[in-house]
Structures are given as structure tokens and as C-alpha cells.
Amino acid sequence: MRSLALSIGGGVVAALVLHIISILAIPYVTEGNTWSRIVALGDAGRFYSEASLPEPAALLDSDPYVKLAVCRFEMTNVPIRITASANVFLWTLSIFDEQSNEIYSMNDSTAIVDTLDVILANPAGILSLRRDQPETGLASIFVETSASRGYIVLRAVVPSSSWQEIAEEFLASARCGTTIDDPS
């Protein structure tokens, strides 16, 4: 009787462990996750607007009052600078690692001087920028991350049709490259 109880208990524990492992492995083994869809868009260091995406609703949540652009980054020792002209009704920026964990989020209310100017770097890169180039990024927001790969989602709110073209111009002006000195 005791061996039967131990066998059943061992089987339940083994099944529980296997179940937990399979649930935790789903994001890594699925082919249609957000990261793989963003990688399929094209090169890193370039924003892809919603209009150029094959299936925007499948990539990220789609909202008729929000236009978006996505940029994939692969950061080694060179910081990434994210800029855009900021003349839209409202914009938001979110930075994610390759597992879709949010690293940083901001909107136009938290920007310095009403512009989008963010420098994304690893801890050593942030230290180096602040030590060696104190004049660089005076209006920039520094975001420190240990993630070497990820993606940036830039959204522009379109409260009415009169804002449509302005939002599209804002997203077209967006840059996410490795050039620190030149924000354009």
C-alpha cells in the first residue's frame, strides 16, 4: 500500500514538473511570437511603420486611433539613439527585450523639451557617455539596459482624421540608430 502511494505521489510530482516546464517553454518554441515577426520585418536600426507591416494586428494590438512603428535593435557596445520630431497630439515609446519584457516606457509628457530623444545603452555605455561626452545628450533621456537585443514600439495617437497625416509624418521622422552625435 505504501509503495502504491509513493508511486502515485511520484507520478503526480513528475507530471506537475513536466507541465510547468512545458508552459514556461512556450514563448521560446513558438514560431509566431512577436520577436520572430519583428525580425522578419528587416534590418535592425530602422523603424517600420504600421503601413509597411504585412499584418499589423497580428504583430501588436491594433487600435484605429493609434498609428505605430517598430524598430528592432541589436546593441553591443554602441548605444542606440531614438529620435523623432514631436508635433503630434500624443506619442508613447516602449522598449522591450527579445522576450517581450518591457524595459522602459515613456510618453510626450515625460520628454525633455517636448522632443523624442532617448539614448539606450548598457551600463558601461551610459557611464562612458556621461564621462567622455557630457555635452552629448543634454536633452536626451538615458535608458540603461543589459538587454543586447530587443525592439522599440513608437505610437502616435490620432484623435481625429485631421491628425492622420501629422502622425504619419511623425512616425516617418523616427530614427533608431547607433549615431549618438547627430540626432537626425
N, C-alpha and C. Protein backbone atom coordinates (compact mmCIF):
# COMPACT_ATOMS: atom_id res chain seq x y z
N MET A 1 0.82 -1.19 0.00
CA MET A 1 0.00 0.00 0.00
C MET A 1 0.87 1.26 0.00
N ARG A 2 1.94 1.19 0.79
CA ARG A 2 2.83 2.34 0.87
C ARG A 2 3.54 2.60 -0.46
N SER A 3 3.96 1.53 -1.13
CA SER A 3 4.63 1.69 -2.42
C SER A 3 3.67 2.22 -3.48
N LEU A 4 2.40 1.86 -3.39
CA LEU A 4 1.39 2.38 -4.32
C LEU A 4 1.22 3.88 -4.11
N ALA A 5 1.17 4.33 -2.87
CA ALA A 5 1.03 5.75 -2.57
C ALA A 5 2.25 6.53 -3.04
N LEU A 6 3.45 5.97 -2.84
CA LEU A 6 4.67 6.62 -3.31
C LEU A 6 4.71 6.68 -4.84
N SER A 7 4.26 5.65 -5.50
CA SER A 7 4.23 5.64 -6.97
C SER A 7 3.27 6.70 -7.50
N ILE A 8 2.10 6.78 -6.91
CA ILE A 8 1.12 7.78 -7.33
C ILE A 8 1.64 9.19 -7.04
N GLY A 9 2.19 9.40 -5.87
CA GLY A 9 2.74 10.71 -5.50
C GLY A 9 3.89 11.11 -6.42
N GLY A 10 4.79 10.18 -6.73
CA GLY A 10 5.89 10.46 -7.64
C GLY A 10 5.40 10.79 -9.03
N GLY A 11 4.38 10.09 -9.48
CA GLY A 11 3.80 10.36 -10.81
C GLY A 11 3.15 11.73 -10.87
N VAL A 12 2.46 12.13 -9.81
CA VAL A 12 1.83 13.45 -9.77
C VAL A 12 2.89 14.55 -9.78
N VAL A 13 3.94 14.37 -8.99
CA VAL A 13 5.01 15.38 -8.94
C VAL A 13 5.70 15.48 -10.30
N ALA A 14 5.99 14.35 -10.93
CA ALA A 14 6.64 14.36 -12.24
C ALA A 14 5.74 15.04 -13.28
N ALA A 15 4.45 14.74 -13.25
CA ALA A 15 3.52 15.37 -14.19
C ALA A 15 3.44 16.88 -13.96
N LEU A 16 3.46 17.30 -12.72
CA LEU A 16 3.41 18.72 -12.38
C LEU A 16 4.66 19.45 -12.89
N VAL A 17 5.83 18.86 -12.68
CA VAL A 17 7.08 19.46 -13.14
C VAL A 17 7.08 19.54 -14.67
N LEU A 18 6.67 18.48 -15.35
CA LEU A 18 6.63 18.49 -16.81
C LEU A 18 5.64 19.54 -17.32
N HIS A 19 4.51 19.68 -16.67
CA HIS A 19 3.52 20.67 -17.06
C HIS A 19 4.07 22.09 -16.92
N ILE A 20 4.73 22.38 -15.83
CA ILE A 20 5.30 23.71 -15.60
C ILE A 20 6.39 24.01 -16.64
N ILE A 21 7.25 23.04 -16.91
CA ILE A 21 8.31 23.23 -17.90
C ILE A 21 7.72 23.50 -19.28
N SER A 22 6.69 22.77 -19.65
CA SER A 22 6.11 22.97 -20.98
C SER A 22 5.44 24.34 -21.10
N ILE A 23 4.82 24.83 -20.04
CA ILE A 23 4.20 26.16 -20.07
C ILE A 23 5.27 27.25 -20.17
N LEU A 24 6.34 27.11 -19.42
CA LEU A 24 7.40 28.12 -19.46
C LEU A 24 8.17 28.10 -20.79
N ALA A 25 8.16 27.00 -21.50
CA ALA A 25 8.89 26.89 -22.76
C ALA A 25 8.11 27.42 -23.95
N ILE A 26 6.84 27.66 -23.82
CA ILE A 26 6.00 28.08 -24.96
C ILE A 26 6.56 29.32 -25.67
N PRO A 27 6.95 30.40 -24.98
CA PRO A 27 7.46 31.57 -25.72
C PRO A 27 8.73 31.29 -26.51
N TYR A 28 9.50 30.30 -26.11
CA TYR A 28 10.76 30.02 -26.77
C TYR A 28 10.62 29.07 -27.95
N VAL A 29 9.57 28.27 -27.99
CA VAL A 29 9.43 27.28 -29.04
C VAL A 29 8.38 27.65 -30.08
N THR A 30 7.59 28.65 -29.84
CA THR A 30 6.60 29.05 -30.83
C THR A 30 7.27 29.85 -31.93
N GLU A 31 6.87 29.61 -33.16
CA GLU A 31 7.48 30.30 -34.29
C GLU A 31 6.84 31.64 -34.56
N GLY A 32 5.64 31.86 -34.13
CA GLY A 32 4.93 33.08 -34.45
C GLY A 32 4.93 34.11 -33.35
N ASN A 33 5.96 34.13 -32.51
CA ASN A 33 5.98 35.11 -31.43
C ASN A 33 6.34 36.49 -31.96
N THR A 34 6.16 37.50 -31.14
CA THR A 34 6.39 38.88 -31.56
C THR A 34 7.82 39.09 -32.04
N TRP A 35 8.79 38.56 -31.32
CA TRP A 35 10.20 38.77 -31.69
C TRP A 35 10.47 38.23 -33.09
N SER A 36 10.02 37.03 -33.40
CA SER A 36 10.30 36.46 -34.73
C SER A 36 9.60 37.25 -35.83
N ARG A 37 8.43 37.79 -35.55
CA ARG A 37 7.74 38.62 -36.55
C ARG A 37 8.48 39.94 -36.78
N ILE A 38 9.02 40.50 -35.73
CA ILE A 38 9.77 41.76 -35.87
C ILE A 38 11.09 41.51 -36.60
N VAL A 39 11.76 40.42 -36.32
CA VAL A 39 13.00 40.08 -37.02
C VAL A 39 12.71 39.91 -38.52
N ALA A 40 11.56 39.33 -38.85
CA ALA A 40 11.20 39.11 -40.25
C ALA A 40 10.92 40.41 -41.02
N LEU A 41 10.70 41.51 -40.32
CA LEU A 41 10.42 42.78 -40.99
C LEU A 41 11.61 43.28 -41.80
N GLY A 42 12.81 43.07 -41.29
CA GLY A 42 14.00 43.55 -41.99
C GLY A 42 15.13 43.85 -41.03
N ASP A 43 16.00 44.73 -41.48
CA ASP A 43 17.21 45.06 -40.73
C ASP A 43 16.92 45.75 -39.41
N ALA A 44 17.84 45.57 -38.47
CA ALA A 44 17.78 46.28 -37.19
C ALA A 44 18.19 47.73 -37.43
N GLY A 45 17.80 48.61 -36.51
CA GLY A 45 18.20 50.01 -36.60
C GLY A 45 17.34 50.85 -37.52
N ARG A 46 16.14 50.38 -37.82
CA ARG A 46 15.25 51.11 -38.72
C ARG A 46 13.81 50.92 -38.24
N PHE A 47 13.05 52.02 -38.22
CA PHE A 47 11.64 51.93 -37.87
C PHE A 47 10.84 51.44 -39.07
N TYR A 48 9.93 50.52 -38.83
CA TYR A 48 8.98 50.04 -39.82
C TYR A 48 7.61 50.50 -39.37
N SER A 49 6.96 51.31 -40.21
CA SER A 49 5.66 51.85 -39.82
C SER A 49 4.58 50.80 -39.99
N GLU A 50 3.47 51.05 -39.36
CA GLU A 50 2.34 50.13 -39.40
C GLU A 50 1.89 49.88 -40.83
N ALA A 51 1.97 50.89 -41.67
CA ALA A 51 1.54 50.75 -43.05
C ALA A 51 2.40 49.75 -43.82
N SER A 52 3.68 49.63 -43.43
CA SER A 52 4.57 48.71 -44.14
C SER A 52 4.53 47.29 -43.57
N LEU A 53 3.82 47.10 -42.47
CA LEU A 53 3.75 45.78 -41.87
C LEU A 53 2.74 44.91 -42.62
N PRO A 54 3.06 43.63 -42.84
CA PRO A 54 2.14 42.77 -43.57
C PRO A 54 0.81 42.55 -42.83
N GLU A 55 0.89 42.34 -41.53
CA GLU A 55 -0.31 42.13 -40.72
C GLU A 55 -0.13 42.84 -39.39
N PRO A 56 -0.43 44.16 -39.31
CA PRO A 56 -0.17 44.90 -38.08
C PRO A 56 -0.93 44.36 -36.87
N ALA A 57 -2.15 43.89 -37.08
CA ALA A 57 -2.93 43.39 -35.95
C ALA A 57 -2.30 42.13 -35.37
N ALA A 58 -1.64 41.34 -36.21
CA ALA A 58 -1.00 40.12 -35.73
C ALA A 58 0.30 40.42 -35.01
N LEU A 59 0.92 41.54 -35.34
CA LEU A 59 2.20 41.90 -34.72
C LEU A 59 2.01 42.49 -33.34
N LEU A 60 1.15 43.48 -33.24
CA LEU A 60 0.85 44.15 -31.98
C LEU A 60 -0.64 44.48 -31.96
N ASP A 61 -1.15 44.82 -30.81
CA ASP A 61 -2.56 45.19 -30.72
C ASP A 61 -2.84 46.35 -31.66
N SER A 62 -3.91 46.23 -32.41
CA SER A 62 -4.26 47.27 -33.37
C SER A 62 -5.38 48.13 -32.80
N ASP A 63 -5.23 49.44 -32.95
CA ASP A 63 -6.22 50.39 -32.48
C ASP A 63 -6.40 51.42 -33.59
N PRO A 64 -7.62 51.70 -34.02
CA PRO A 64 -7.80 52.64 -35.13
C PRO A 64 -7.38 54.06 -34.80
N TYR A 65 -7.25 54.40 -33.53
CA TYR A 65 -6.85 55.75 -33.14
C TYR A 65 -5.37 55.85 -32.80
N VAL A 66 -4.63 54.80 -33.09
CA VAL A 66 -3.20 54.79 -32.80
C VAL A 66 -2.45 54.27 -34.02
N LYS A 67 -1.45 55.03 -34.46
CA LYS A 67 -0.54 54.59 -35.51
C LYS A 67 0.76 54.20 -34.83
N LEU A 68 1.45 53.19 -35.37
CA LEU A 68 2.67 52.73 -34.70
C LEU A 68 3.78 52.42 -35.68
N ALA A 69 4.98 52.40 -35.15
CA ALA A 69 6.17 51.98 -35.87
C ALA A 69 7.01 51.14 -34.92
N VAL A 70 7.74 50.17 -35.49
CA VAL A 70 8.53 49.24 -34.70
C VAL A 70 9.97 49.25 -35.21
N CYS A 71 10.92 49.25 -34.27
CA CYS A 71 12.34 49.19 -34.62
C CYS A 71 13.00 48.10 -33.78
N ARG A 72 13.73 47.23 -34.45
CA ARG A 72 14.49 46.18 -33.76
C ARG A 72 15.89 46.71 -33.51
N PHE A 73 16.44 46.43 -32.34
CA PHE A 73 17.81 46.84 -32.06
C PHE A 73 18.64 45.64 -31.64
N GLU A 74 19.92 45.70 -32.01
CA GLU A 74 20.91 44.74 -31.57
C GLU A 74 22.10 45.56 -31.09
N MET A 75 22.21 45.65 -29.79
CA MET A 75 23.18 46.54 -29.18
C MET A 75 24.37 45.75 -28.64
N THR A 76 25.55 46.13 -29.04
CA THR A 76 26.76 45.53 -28.48
C THR A 76 27.34 46.53 -27.50
N ASN A 77 28.36 47.24 -27.92
CA ASN A 77 28.95 48.27 -27.05
C ASN A 77 28.60 49.67 -27.52
N VAL A 78 27.83 49.77 -28.59
CA VAL A 78 27.48 51.07 -29.15
C VAL A 78 26.04 51.40 -28.74
N PRO A 79 25.82 52.54 -28.12
CA PRO A 79 24.46 52.92 -27.71
C PRO A 79 23.54 53.14 -28.90
N ILE A 80 22.25 53.04 -28.66
CA ILE A 80 21.22 53.27 -29.66
C ILE A 80 20.55 54.61 -29.33
N ARG A 81 20.39 55.45 -30.34
CA ARG A 81 19.71 56.72 -30.14
C ARG A 81 18.37 56.69 -30.87
N ILE A 82 17.31 57.06 -30.17
CA ILE A 82 15.96 57.05 -30.71
C ILE A 82 15.48 58.50 -30.75
N THR A 83 15.15 58.99 -31.94
CA THR A 83 14.71 60.37 -32.09
C THR A 83 13.51 60.45 -33.01
N ALA A 84 12.76 61.53 -32.90
CA ALA A 84 11.65 61.83 -33.81
C ALA A 84 11.21 63.26 -33.57
N SER A 85 10.70 63.88 -34.61
CA SER A 85 10.10 65.20 -34.43
C SER A 85 8.81 65.00 -33.65
N ALA A 86 8.52 65.88 -32.75
CA ALA A 86 7.40 65.66 -31.83
C ALA A 86 6.33 66.73 -32.00
N ASN A 87 5.54 66.61 -33.03
CA ASN A 87 4.48 67.58 -33.25
C ASN A 87 3.11 66.92 -33.30
N VAL A 88 2.98 65.76 -32.71
CA VAL A 88 1.71 65.02 -32.73
C VAL A 88 0.89 65.31 -31.48
N PHE A 89 -0.34 64.86 -31.51
CA PHE A 89 -1.25 65.06 -30.40
C PHE A 89 -0.70 64.40 -29.12
N LEU A 90 -0.28 63.15 -29.24
CA LEU A 90 0.28 62.39 -28.11
C LEU A 90 1.10 61.25 -28.69
N TRP A 91 2.29 61.01 -28.13
CA TRP A 91 3.08 59.86 -28.53
C TRP A 91 3.53 59.09 -27.31
N THR A 92 3.78 57.80 -27.51
CA THR A 92 4.33 56.94 -26.46
C THR A 92 5.46 56.11 -27.06
N LEU A 93 6.40 55.76 -26.21
CA LEU A 93 7.53 54.94 -26.60
C LEU A 93 7.66 53.81 -25.60
N SER A 94 7.80 52.59 -26.09
CA SER A 94 8.03 51.44 -25.22
C SER A 94 9.21 50.65 -25.76
N ILE A 95 10.07 50.21 -24.87
CA ILE A 95 11.25 49.43 -25.25
C ILE A 95 11.12 48.06 -24.60
N PHE A 96 11.30 47.01 -25.40
CA PHE A 96 11.14 45.63 -24.94
C PHE A 96 12.39 44.83 -25.25
N ASP A 97 12.67 43.80 -24.43
CA ASP A 97 13.74 42.88 -24.78
C ASP A 97 13.17 41.83 -25.73
N GLU A 98 13.99 40.88 -26.17
CA GLU A 98 13.53 39.93 -27.18
C GLU A 98 12.48 38.94 -26.65
N GLN A 99 12.30 38.84 -25.35
CA GLN A 99 11.24 38.01 -24.79
C GLN A 99 9.96 38.82 -24.54
N SER A 100 9.92 40.05 -25.04
CA SER A 100 8.77 40.97 -24.91
C SER A 100 8.56 41.45 -23.48
N ASN A 101 9.61 41.47 -22.68
CA ASN A 101 9.55 42.08 -21.35
C ASN A 101 9.81 43.58 -21.51
N GLU A 102 8.94 44.39 -20.95
CA GLU A 102 9.10 45.83 -21.10
C GLU A 102 10.28 46.31 -20.27
N ILE A 103 11.19 47.04 -20.93
CA ILE A 103 12.37 47.61 -20.29
C ILE A 103 12.10 49.03 -19.84
N TYR A 104 11.43 49.79 -20.70
CA TYR A 104 11.23 51.21 -20.44
C TYR A 104 10.00 51.69 -21.20
N SER A 105 9.34 52.68 -20.64
CA SER A 105 8.17 53.27 -21.28
C SER A 105 8.11 54.74 -20.94
N MET A 106 7.69 55.55 -21.92
CA MET A 106 7.54 56.98 -21.68
C MET A 106 6.52 57.54 -22.67
N ASN A 107 6.12 58.79 -22.44
CA ASN A 107 5.26 59.48 -23.39
C ASN A 107 5.73 60.92 -23.52
N ASP A 108 5.01 61.70 -24.31
CA ASP A 108 5.44 63.08 -24.56
C ASP A 108 5.44 63.94 -23.31
N SER A 109 4.66 63.58 -22.31
CA SER A 109 4.63 64.36 -21.07
C SER A 109 5.91 64.22 -20.26
N THR A 110 6.61 63.12 -20.43
CA THR A 110 7.84 62.89 -19.67
C THR A 110 9.10 63.22 -20.46
N ALA A 111 8.94 63.66 -21.71
CA ALA A 111 10.09 64.01 -22.54
C ALA A 111 10.66 65.36 -22.13
N ILE A 112 11.92 65.55 -22.46
CA ILE A 112 12.59 66.81 -22.20
C ILE A 112 12.39 67.70 -23.43
N VAL A 113 11.96 68.91 -23.24
CA VAL A 113 11.78 69.90 -24.28
C VAL A 113 10.84 69.41 -25.39
N ASP A 114 9.83 68.64 -25.05
CA ASP A 114 8.81 68.18 -26.00
C ASP A 114 9.36 67.47 -27.23
N THR A 115 10.48 66.79 -27.10
CA THR A 115 11.02 66.03 -28.23
C THR A 115 11.27 64.59 -27.79
N LEU A 116 11.31 63.72 -28.77
CA LEU A 116 11.69 62.34 -28.51
C LEU A 116 13.18 62.21 -28.77
N ASP A 117 13.94 62.01 -27.71
CA ASP A 117 15.39 61.86 -27.81
C ASP A 117 15.83 60.96 -26.66
N VAL A 118 16.01 59.69 -26.96
CA VAL A 118 16.35 58.68 -25.95
C VAL A 118 17.63 57.99 -26.38
N ILE A 119 18.54 57.79 -25.44
CA ILE A 119 19.75 57.02 -25.68
C ILE A 119 19.68 55.76 -24.84
N LEU A 120 19.73 54.62 -25.53
CA LEU A 120 19.64 53.30 -24.91
C LEU A 120 21.04 52.68 -24.93
N ALA A 121 21.53 52.30 -23.75
CA ALA A 121 22.89 51.74 -23.68
C ALA A 121 23.00 50.78 -22.51
N ASN A 122 24.05 49.96 -22.58
CA ASN A 122 24.33 49.08 -21.45
C ASN A 122 24.98 49.91 -20.34
N PRO A 123 25.12 49.38 -19.13
CA PRO A 123 25.67 50.18 -18.03
C PRO A 123 27.03 50.81 -18.33
N ALA A 124 27.92 50.07 -18.98
CA ALA A 124 29.23 50.63 -19.31
C ALA A 124 29.10 51.75 -20.34
N GLY A 125 28.18 51.59 -21.28
CA GLY A 125 27.97 52.61 -22.30
C GLY A 125 27.43 53.91 -21.72
N ILE A 126 26.51 53.80 -20.77
CA ILE A 126 25.95 55.00 -20.11
C ILE A 126 27.06 55.72 -19.36
N LEU A 127 27.86 54.98 -18.62
CA LEU A 127 28.97 55.57 -17.86
C LEU A 127 29.95 56.27 -18.79
N SER A 128 30.28 55.62 -19.90
CA SER A 128 31.20 56.21 -20.86
C SER A 128 30.63 57.48 -21.49
N LEU A 129 29.36 57.47 -21.84
CA LEU A 129 28.73 58.66 -22.43
C LEU A 129 28.75 59.84 -21.47
N ARG A 130 28.42 59.56 -20.24
CA ARG A 130 28.38 60.66 -19.26
C ARG A 130 29.77 61.17 -18.91
N ARG A 131 30.77 60.30 -18.96
CA ARG A 131 32.13 60.71 -18.62
C ARG A 131 32.83 61.40 -19.79
N ASP A 132 32.74 60.80 -20.98
CA ASP A 132 33.51 61.29 -22.12
C ASP A 132 32.82 62.36 -22.94
N GLN A 133 31.50 62.39 -22.94
CA GLN A 133 30.79 63.33 -23.79
C GLN A 133 29.68 64.02 -23.00
N PRO A 134 30.03 64.87 -22.04
CA PRO A 134 28.98 65.48 -21.22
C PRO A 134 28.03 66.38 -22.01
N GLU A 135 28.48 66.93 -23.14
CA GLU A 135 27.59 67.79 -23.92
C GLU A 135 26.63 66.99 -24.79
N THR A 136 26.96 65.74 -25.10
CA THR A 136 26.08 64.91 -25.90
C THR A 136 24.87 64.52 -25.08
N GLY A 137 23.74 64.69 -25.65
CA GLY A 137 22.52 64.26 -24.99
C GLY A 137 22.04 65.16 -23.90
N LEU A 138 22.30 66.45 -23.98
CA LEU A 138 21.80 67.35 -22.94
C LEU A 138 20.28 67.29 -22.85
N ALA A 139 19.62 67.06 -23.98
CA ALA A 139 18.16 66.94 -23.99
C ALA A 139 17.73 65.49 -24.11
N SER A 140 18.67 64.58 -23.98
CA SER A 140 18.37 63.16 -24.12
C SER A 140 18.01 62.53 -22.78
N ILE A 141 17.18 61.51 -22.87
CA ILE A 141 16.88 60.69 -21.71
C ILE A 141 17.71 59.42 -21.86
N PHE A 142 18.50 59.10 -20.84
CA PHE A 142 19.35 57.91 -20.87
C PHE A 142 18.59 56.74 -20.27
N VAL A 143 18.58 55.63 -21.01
CA VAL A 143 17.93 54.40 -20.55
C VAL A 143 19.00 53.31 -20.50
N GLU A 144 19.19 52.77 -19.32
CA GLU A 144 20.20 51.73 -19.12
C GLU A 144 19.54 50.36 -19.17
N THR A 145 20.14 49.45 -19.93
CA THR A 145 19.62 48.09 -20.02
C THR A 145 20.76 47.10 -20.22
N SER A 146 20.56 45.90 -19.76
CA SER A 146 21.53 44.84 -20.01
C SER A 146 21.10 43.99 -21.21
N ALA A 147 19.92 44.26 -21.77
CA ALA A 147 19.44 43.52 -22.93
C ALA A 147 20.26 43.91 -24.16
N SER A 148 20.76 42.93 -24.88
CA SER A 148 21.55 43.23 -26.07
C SER A 148 20.68 43.25 -27.33
N ARG A 149 19.50 42.65 -27.24
CA ARG A 149 18.57 42.65 -28.38
C ARG A 149 17.17 42.94 -27.88
N GLY A 150 16.40 43.59 -28.75
CA GLY A 150 15.03 43.89 -28.39
C GLY A 150 14.37 44.72 -29.47
N TYR A 151 13.25 45.34 -29.10
CA TYR A 151 12.55 46.17 -30.07
C TYR A 151 11.90 47.36 -29.39
N ILE A 152 11.66 48.37 -30.21
CA ILE A 152 11.09 49.64 -29.74
C ILE A 152 9.78 49.84 -30.47
N VAL A 153 8.75 50.19 -29.72
CA VAL A 153 7.43 50.48 -30.31
C VAL A 153 7.13 51.95 -30.07
N LEU A 154 6.93 52.68 -31.15
CA LEU A 154 6.59 54.10 -31.09
C LEU A 154 5.16 54.26 -31.58
N ARG A 155 4.32 54.87 -30.74
CA ARG A 155 2.91 55.04 -31.08
C ARG A 155 2.57 56.52 -31.14
N ALA A 156 1.69 56.89 -32.07
CA ALA A 156 1.17 58.24 -32.17
C ALA A 156 -0.35 58.16 -32.14
N VAL A 157 -0.94 58.92 -31.24
CA VAL A 157 -2.40 58.93 -31.12
C VAL A 157 -2.98 59.84 -32.19
N VAL A 158 -4.06 59.35 -32.82
CA VAL A 158 -4.75 60.08 -33.89
C VAL A 158 -6.19 60.30 -33.42
N PRO A 159 -6.47 61.42 -32.72
CA PRO A 159 -7.82 61.61 -32.17
C PRO A 159 -8.87 61.92 -33.23
N SER A 160 -8.45 62.43 -34.40
CA SER A 160 -9.40 62.69 -35.48
C SER A 160 -8.66 62.58 -36.81
N SER A 161 -9.40 62.57 -37.90
CA SER A 161 -8.77 62.38 -39.22
C SER A 161 -7.80 63.51 -39.57
N SER A 162 -7.99 64.69 -38.98
CA SER A 162 -7.07 65.80 -39.27
C SER A 162 -5.67 65.55 -38.72
N TRP A 163 -5.52 64.64 -37.79
CA TRP A 163 -4.21 64.31 -37.21
C TRP A 163 -3.53 63.15 -37.94
N GLN A 164 -4.22 62.52 -38.88
CA GLN A 164 -3.70 61.33 -39.56
C GLN A 164 -2.35 61.60 -40.24
N GLU A 165 -2.29 62.61 -41.07
CA GLU A 165 -1.06 62.91 -41.80
C GLU A 165 0.06 63.35 -40.87
N ILE A 166 -0.26 64.09 -39.83
CA ILE A 166 0.75 64.53 -38.86
C ILE A 166 1.36 63.33 -38.15
N ALA A 167 0.52 62.37 -37.77
CA ALA A 167 1.01 61.16 -37.10
C ALA A 167 1.91 60.35 -38.03
N GLU A 168 1.53 60.24 -39.29
CA GLU A 168 2.34 59.50 -40.25
C GLU A 168 3.68 60.19 -40.48
N GLU A 169 3.71 61.53 -40.53
CA GLU A 169 4.96 62.26 -40.67
C GLU A 169 5.86 62.08 -39.45
N PHE A 170 5.24 62.08 -38.27
CA PHE A 170 5.99 61.86 -37.03
C PHE A 170 6.67 60.49 -37.06
N LEU A 171 5.92 59.46 -37.41
CA LEU A 171 6.50 58.12 -37.46
C LEU A 171 7.54 58.00 -38.56
N ALA A 172 7.35 58.69 -39.67
CA ALA A 172 8.34 58.67 -40.75
C ALA A 172 9.64 59.36 -40.34
N SER A 173 9.56 60.33 -39.42
CA SER A 173 10.76 61.04 -38.96
C SER A 173 11.52 60.27 -37.89
N ALA A 174 10.95 59.21 -37.38
CA ALA A 174 11.57 58.46 -36.28
C ALA A 174 12.82 57.74 -36.75
N ARG A 175 13.85 57.77 -35.91
CA ARG A 175 15.12 57.11 -36.17
C ARG A 175 15.53 56.31 -34.93
N CYS A 176 16.16 55.18 -35.17
CA CYS A 176 16.72 54.40 -34.05
C CYS A 176 18.02 53.79 -34.53
N GLY A 177 19.07 54.56 -34.43
CA GLY A 177 20.35 54.11 -34.92
C GLY A 177 21.44 54.23 -33.88
N THR A 178 22.64 53.93 -34.31
CA THR A 178 23.77 53.94 -33.40
C THR A 178 24.53 55.25 -33.41
N THR A 179 24.04 56.26 -34.13
CA THR A 179 24.70 57.56 -34.17
C THR A 179 24.31 58.38 -32.95
N ILE A 180 25.26 58.68 -32.11
CA ILE A 180 24.98 59.45 -30.89
C ILE A 180 25.09 60.94 -31.14
N ASP A 181 26.07 61.35 -31.93
CA ASP A 181 26.32 62.78 -32.09
C ASP A 181 25.25 63.51 -32.87
N ASP A 182 24.65 62.86 -33.86
CA ASP A 182 23.69 63.53 -34.73
C ASP A 182 22.30 62.99 -34.47
N PRO A 183 21.39 63.76 -33.87
CA PRO A 183 20.07 63.26 -33.55
C PRO A 183 19.16 63.10 -34.75
N SER A 184 19.54 63.52 -35.94
CA SER A 184 18.64 63.40 -37.09
C SER A 184 18.79 62.09 -37.82
